[in-house]
Amino acid sequence: MAHDLDGAQEFYSSVLGWQYKPGFQGAGSYSVALAHGTPVAGLGAMARTLGFPVCWTAYFAVDSADLAAERILERSATVAVGPIEFGKGRVAWAADPADAVFGVWEGEVDPDWRVNRRAGAPAWLELRTRDPFASALFYGEVFDWDRPEDNCIDVRYEDDRVVLRIGGHTVAGLRGGGVEDAPDPNIRPQWHVYFCVDDVDAAADRALAAGGTVVSPPSDAHFGRIAELRDPEGGLFHLAH
């Protein structure tokens, strides 16, 4: 969610090499980002309209946005907007019990639109929260991660975090470190989006040249080289290789 769609498109094209196509008809100032011709993200000038900060949001596909919203509310969490019609589907924006924001999507999902390790695509979603195990229970109950008949979903506790795999692909992790009342919004509970690049250091340099800022410089982590940045409007994102 951005204020300036054209500026956001130009920035992320410079950093991640994205191209764009128009978004859903009737969805307003919205475009779909393409990496090597495959849709990988959505950008919309909706931050002011919805009253949200400029940010990247993790979305989870559901069969029924209404049922998901009911489950969210039943578990002492918040549905901020929706479910509402959006393009060819329905969407809701919510916050979990620790106040981490996420989205719910009911509608068609492009089979190629998924977390993967291809340059320009989302490589990893990570929830930083106070209690990752409590959060895993919340999301598992809302999204039926523990359905015994659904063998493609695998949730496991590994070291100090919870790891989610779908169809054999590692897509998300939940770990501690988020503090609800932290004065620094960077360490409050939230979902973080990592984008895959061929060279993290070079991509971070491109981000700086395009008007972004580096929050945490490139460094080596247990799953590869990463960096934490903000775009010119303050939207937090991560690079990974």
Protein backbone atom coordinates (compact mmCIF):
# COMPACT_ATOMS: atom_id res chain seq x y z
CA MET A 1 0.00 0.00 0.00
CA ALA A 2 1.49 3.26 -1.17
CA HIS A 3 0.57 6.91 -1.54
CA ASP A 4 2.30 7.42 -4.90
CA LEU A 5 1.77 4.41 -7.19
CA ASP A 6 3.99 5.72 -10.00
CA GLY A 7 6.81 6.45 -7.56
CA ALA A 8 6.50 3.02 -5.95
CA GLN A 9 6.56 1.30 -9.32
CA GLU A 10 9.67 3.20 -10.38
CA PHE A 11 11.48 2.42 -7.12
CA TYR A 12 10.79 -1.32 -7.05
CA SER A 13 11.51 -1.62 -10.75
CA SER A 14 14.95 -0.15 -10.07
CA VAL A 15 15.61 -2.44 -7.10
CA LEU A 16 13.93 -5.71 -8.13
CA GLY A 17 13.62 -5.36 -11.91
CA TRP A 18 9.83 -5.53 -11.87
CA GLN A 19 7.55 -4.79 -14.78
CA TYR A 20 3.85 -4.10 -14.32
CA LYS A 21 0.40 -4.76 -15.70
CA PRO A 22 -2.90 -3.09 -14.76
CA GLY A 23 -4.61 -4.53 -11.72
CA PHE A 24 -8.17 -5.75 -11.38
CA GLN A 25 -10.80 -3.78 -13.25
CA GLY A 26 -12.59 -1.50 -10.82
CA ALA A 27 -9.84 -1.79 -8.19
CA GLY A 28 -8.67 1.78 -8.69
CA SER A 29 -5.01 2.76 -8.68
CA TYR A 30 -3.66 -0.77 -8.49
CA SER A 31 -1.10 -2.71 -10.50
CA VAL A 32 0.39 -6.20 -10.49
CA ALA A 33 4.17 -6.54 -10.39
CA LEU A 34 5.78 -9.10 -12.70
CA ALA A 35 9.13 -10.84 -12.33
CA HIS A 36 10.15 -12.64 -15.51
CA GLY A 37 6.52 -12.46 -16.63
CA THR A 38 5.13 -14.07 -13.46
CA PRO A 39 2.92 -12.05 -11.09
CA VAL A 40 4.63 -11.70 -7.71
CA ALA A 41 3.06 -8.73 -5.86
CA GLY A 42 0.41 -6.04 -5.93
CA LEU A 43 0.92 -2.30 -5.55
CA GLY A 44 -1.92 0.12 -4.88
CA ALA A 45 -2.25 3.80 -4.03
CA MET A 46 -4.72 2.98 -1.25
CA ALA A 47 -2.85 3.88 1.93
CA ARG A 48 -4.65 7.21 2.45
CA THR A 49 -8.06 5.88 1.37
CA LEU A 50 -7.96 2.99 3.85
CA GLY A 51 -6.17 4.93 6.57
CA PHE A 52 -3.22 2.50 6.58
CA PRO A 53 0.48 3.36 6.68
CA VAL A 54 2.63 2.69 3.63
CA CYS A 55 3.47 -0.98 4.04
CA TRP A 56 3.78 -4.42 2.54
CA THR A 57 1.08 -6.85 3.67
CA ALA A 58 1.11 -10.65 3.70
CA TYR A 59 -2.14 -12.16 2.36
CA PHE A 60 -3.57 -15.62 2.96
CA ALA A 61 -5.94 -17.27 0.47
CA VAL A 62 -9.18 -18.65 1.90
CA ASP A 63 -12.32 -20.32 0.56
CA SER A 64 -14.53 -17.86 2.46
CA ALA A 65 -13.46 -14.40 3.62
CA ASP A 66 -16.57 -14.18 5.81
CA LEU A 67 -15.74 -17.41 7.63
CA ALA A 68 -12.13 -16.29 8.11
CA ALA A 69 -13.32 -12.94 9.48
CA GLU A 70 -15.63 -14.72 11.93
CA ARG A 71 -12.78 -16.91 13.14
CA ILE A 72 -10.51 -13.88 13.56
CA LEU A 73 -13.08 -12.06 15.68
CA GLU A 74 -13.84 -15.18 17.75
CA ARG A 75 -10.17 -15.29 18.75
CA SER A 76 -10.01 -11.75 20.17
CA ALA A 77 -8.37 -10.31 17.07
CA THR A 78 -9.47 -7.40 14.86
CA VAL A 79 -11.00 -7.12 11.41
CA ALA A 80 -10.17 -3.56 10.38
CA VAL A 81 -11.72 -3.48 6.88
CA GLY A 82 -14.01 -5.90 5.10
CA PRO A 83 -14.66 -8.36 3.83
CA ILE A 84 -15.28 -6.17 0.77
CA GLU A 85 -15.37 -6.69 -2.99
CA PHE A 86 -11.97 -6.17 -4.59
CA GLY A 87 -11.47 -6.85 -8.27
CA LYS A 88 -12.54 -10.44 -8.96
CA GLY A 89 -12.56 -11.44 -5.31
CA ARG A 90 -13.14 -10.31 -1.75
CA VAL A 91 -10.58 -9.04 0.72
CA ALA A 92 -10.33 -8.23 4.41
CA TRP A 93 -7.57 -6.57 6.40
CA ALA A 94 -7.10 -7.76 9.97
CA ALA A 95 -4.75 -7.67 12.94
CA ASP A 96 -3.90 -10.70 15.06
CA PRO A 97 -4.08 -10.65 18.91
CA ALA A 98 -0.57 -9.15 19.04
CA ASP A 99 -1.64 -6.43 16.53
CA ALA A 100 0.32 -7.74 13.52
CA VAL A 101 -1.56 -6.77 10.33
CA PHE A 102 -2.35 -9.30 7.60
CA GLY A 103 -4.76 -9.73 4.70
CA VAL A 104 -7.34 -12.35 3.75
CA TRP A 105 -8.13 -13.06 0.09
CA GLU A 106 -11.09 -14.97 -1.32
CA GLY A 107 -10.97 -15.43 -5.06
CA GLU A 108 -8.92 -16.69 -7.95
CA VAL A 109 -5.25 -17.32 -7.23
CA ASP A 110 -2.74 -17.51 -10.07
CA PRO A 111 -1.00 -20.91 -9.72
CA ASP A 112 2.35 -19.22 -10.44
CA TRP A 113 1.80 -16.54 -7.76
CA ARG A 114 3.53 -18.07 -4.78
CA VAL A 115 6.50 -17.66 -2.48
CA ASN A 116 9.61 -19.05 -4.19
CA ARG A 117 13.32 -18.48 -4.64
CA ARG A 118 13.17 -16.82 -8.05
CA ALA A 119 14.72 -13.37 -8.40
CA GLY A 120 12.15 -10.65 -7.87
CA ALA A 121 9.60 -12.91 -6.17
CA PRO A 122 8.72 -13.07 -2.48
CA ALA A 123 11.20 -15.51 -0.97
CA TRP A 124 9.93 -15.68 2.60
CA LEU A 125 7.28 -14.29 4.94
CA GLU A 126 8.23 -13.87 8.58
CA LEU A 127 6.08 -12.92 11.53
CA ARG A 128 7.99 -11.32 14.37
CA THR A 129 5.83 -11.45 17.45
CA ARG A 130 5.91 -11.77 21.21
CA ASP A 131 4.83 -15.43 21.35
CA PRO A 132 5.32 -17.35 18.07
CA PHE A 133 3.71 -20.49 19.44
CA ALA A 134 0.51 -18.68 20.47
CA SER A 135 0.51 -16.97 17.06
CA ALA A 136 0.89 -20.32 15.31
CA LEU A 137 -2.21 -21.57 17.14
CA PHE A 138 -4.14 -18.43 16.14
CA TYR A 139 -3.26 -18.61 12.44
CA GLY A 140 -3.62 -22.39 12.39
CA GLU A 141 -7.17 -22.14 13.71
CA VAL A 142 -8.12 -19.26 11.40
CA PHE A 143 -6.68 -20.85 8.24
CA ASP A 144 -7.11 -24.57 9.04
CA TRP A 145 -3.40 -25.31 8.93
CA ASP A 146 -4.00 -28.47 10.93
CA ARG A 147 -6.57 -30.11 8.64
CA PRO A 148 -5.64 -33.83 8.61
CA GLU A 149 -6.98 -34.27 5.08
CA ASP A 150 -4.72 -31.52 3.71
CA ASN A 151 -1.36 -33.22 3.37
CA CYS A 152 0.19 -30.27 1.51
CA ILE A 153 0.33 -28.10 4.67
CA ASP A 154 3.14 -28.78 7.13
CA VAL A 155 3.66 -26.78 10.33
CA ARG A 156 6.69 -27.62 12.45
CA TYR A 157 8.60 -26.21 15.40
CA GLU A 158 12.25 -25.76 14.43
CA ASP A 159 14.73 -24.26 16.87
CA ASP A 160 13.07 -21.11 18.25
CA ARG A 161 10.49 -20.58 15.52
CA VAL A 162 7.50 -22.12 13.78
CA VAL A 163 7.95 -22.95 10.07
CA LEU A 164 5.10 -23.26 7.56
CA ARG A 165 5.48 -25.31 4.39
CA ILE A 166 2.84 -25.59 1.69
CA GLY A 167 3.20 -28.15 -1.08
CA GLY A 168 6.78 -28.79 -0.02
CA HIS A 169 7.73 -25.11 -0.29
CA THR A 170 8.91 -23.27 2.82
CA VAL A 171 6.83 -20.10 2.75
CA ALA A 172 6.73 -18.56 6.23
CA GLY A 173 8.21 -18.50 9.69
CA LEU A 174 6.96 -17.20 13.02
CA ARG A 175 9.51 -16.18 15.63
CA GLY A 176 9.87 -14.10 18.78
CA GLY A 177 11.23 -10.59 19.00
CA GLY A 178 8.18 -8.41 18.47
CA VAL A 179 7.12 -6.17 21.37
CA GLU A 180 3.65 -4.60 21.23
CA ASP A 181 4.54 -1.37 23.06
CA ALA A 182 8.03 -0.91 21.60
CA PRO A 183 8.71 2.77 20.76
CA ASP A 184 10.47 1.61 17.58
CA PRO A 185 7.72 0.44 15.17
CA ASN A 186 10.29 -1.72 13.40
CA ILE A 187 10.28 -4.23 16.26
CA ARG A 188 6.54 -4.29 16.98
CA PRO A 189 4.70 -7.48 15.97
CA GLN A 190 4.36 -7.53 12.19
CA TRP A 191 4.70 -9.65 9.09
CA HIS A 192 7.91 -9.02 7.14
CA VAL A 193 8.18 -9.67 3.40
CA TYR A 194 11.50 -10.84 1.92
CA PHE A 195 12.13 -10.51 -1.82
CA CYS A 196 14.67 -12.72 -3.57
CA VAL A 197 17.55 -11.05 -5.45
CA ASP A 198 20.67 -12.41 -7.13
CA ASP A 199 22.95 -10.02 -5.21
CA VAL A 200 21.74 -8.49 -1.92
CA ASP A 201 24.55 -5.93 -1.70
CA ALA A 202 24.01 -4.67 -5.26
CA ALA A 203 20.23 -4.49 -4.75
CA ALA A 204 20.71 -2.52 -1.51
CA ASP A 205 22.94 -0.07 -3.43
CA ARG A 206 20.23 0.31 -6.07
CA ALA A 207 17.67 1.00 -3.35
CA LEU A 208 19.85 3.77 -1.89
CA ALA A 209 20.40 5.30 -5.31
CA ALA A 210 16.63 5.27 -5.92
CA GLY A 211 15.87 7.14 -2.69
CA GLY A 212 15.41 4.30 -0.22
CA THR A 213 17.13 3.84 3.13
CA VAL A 214 18.94 0.92 4.74
CA VAL A 215 17.60 -0.17 8.14
CA SER A 216 19.95 -3.14 8.54
CA PRO A 217 22.84 -3.46 6.06
CA PRO A 218 23.49 -6.70 4.15
CA SER A 219 24.60 -9.50 6.44
CA ASP A 220 24.72 -13.29 6.51
CA ALA A 221 21.86 -15.15 8.26
CA HIS A 222 21.15 -18.81 8.78
CA PHE A 223 19.16 -19.01 5.52
CA GLY A 224 21.33 -16.74 3.35
CA ARG A 225 22.35 -13.12 2.92
CA ILE A 226 19.71 -10.55 3.88
CA ALA A 227 19.15 -6.81 4.25
CA GLU A 228 16.34 -4.68 5.68
CA LEU A 229 15.32 -1.48 3.89
CA ARG A 230 12.64 1.17 3.50
CA ASP A 231 11.36 2.58 0.23
CA PRO A 232 11.13 6.38 -0.28
CA GLU A 233 7.67 6.47 1.38
CA GLY A 234 8.83 4.47 4.39
CA GLY A 235 7.53 1.03 3.41
CA LEU A 236 9.62 -1.66 5.12
CA PHE A 237 10.87 -4.60 3.03
CA HIS A 238 13.68 -7.12 3.00
CA LEU A 239 16.09 -8.58 0.48
CA ALA A 240 17.31 -12.18 0.57
CA HIS A 241 19.55 -14.48 -1.42
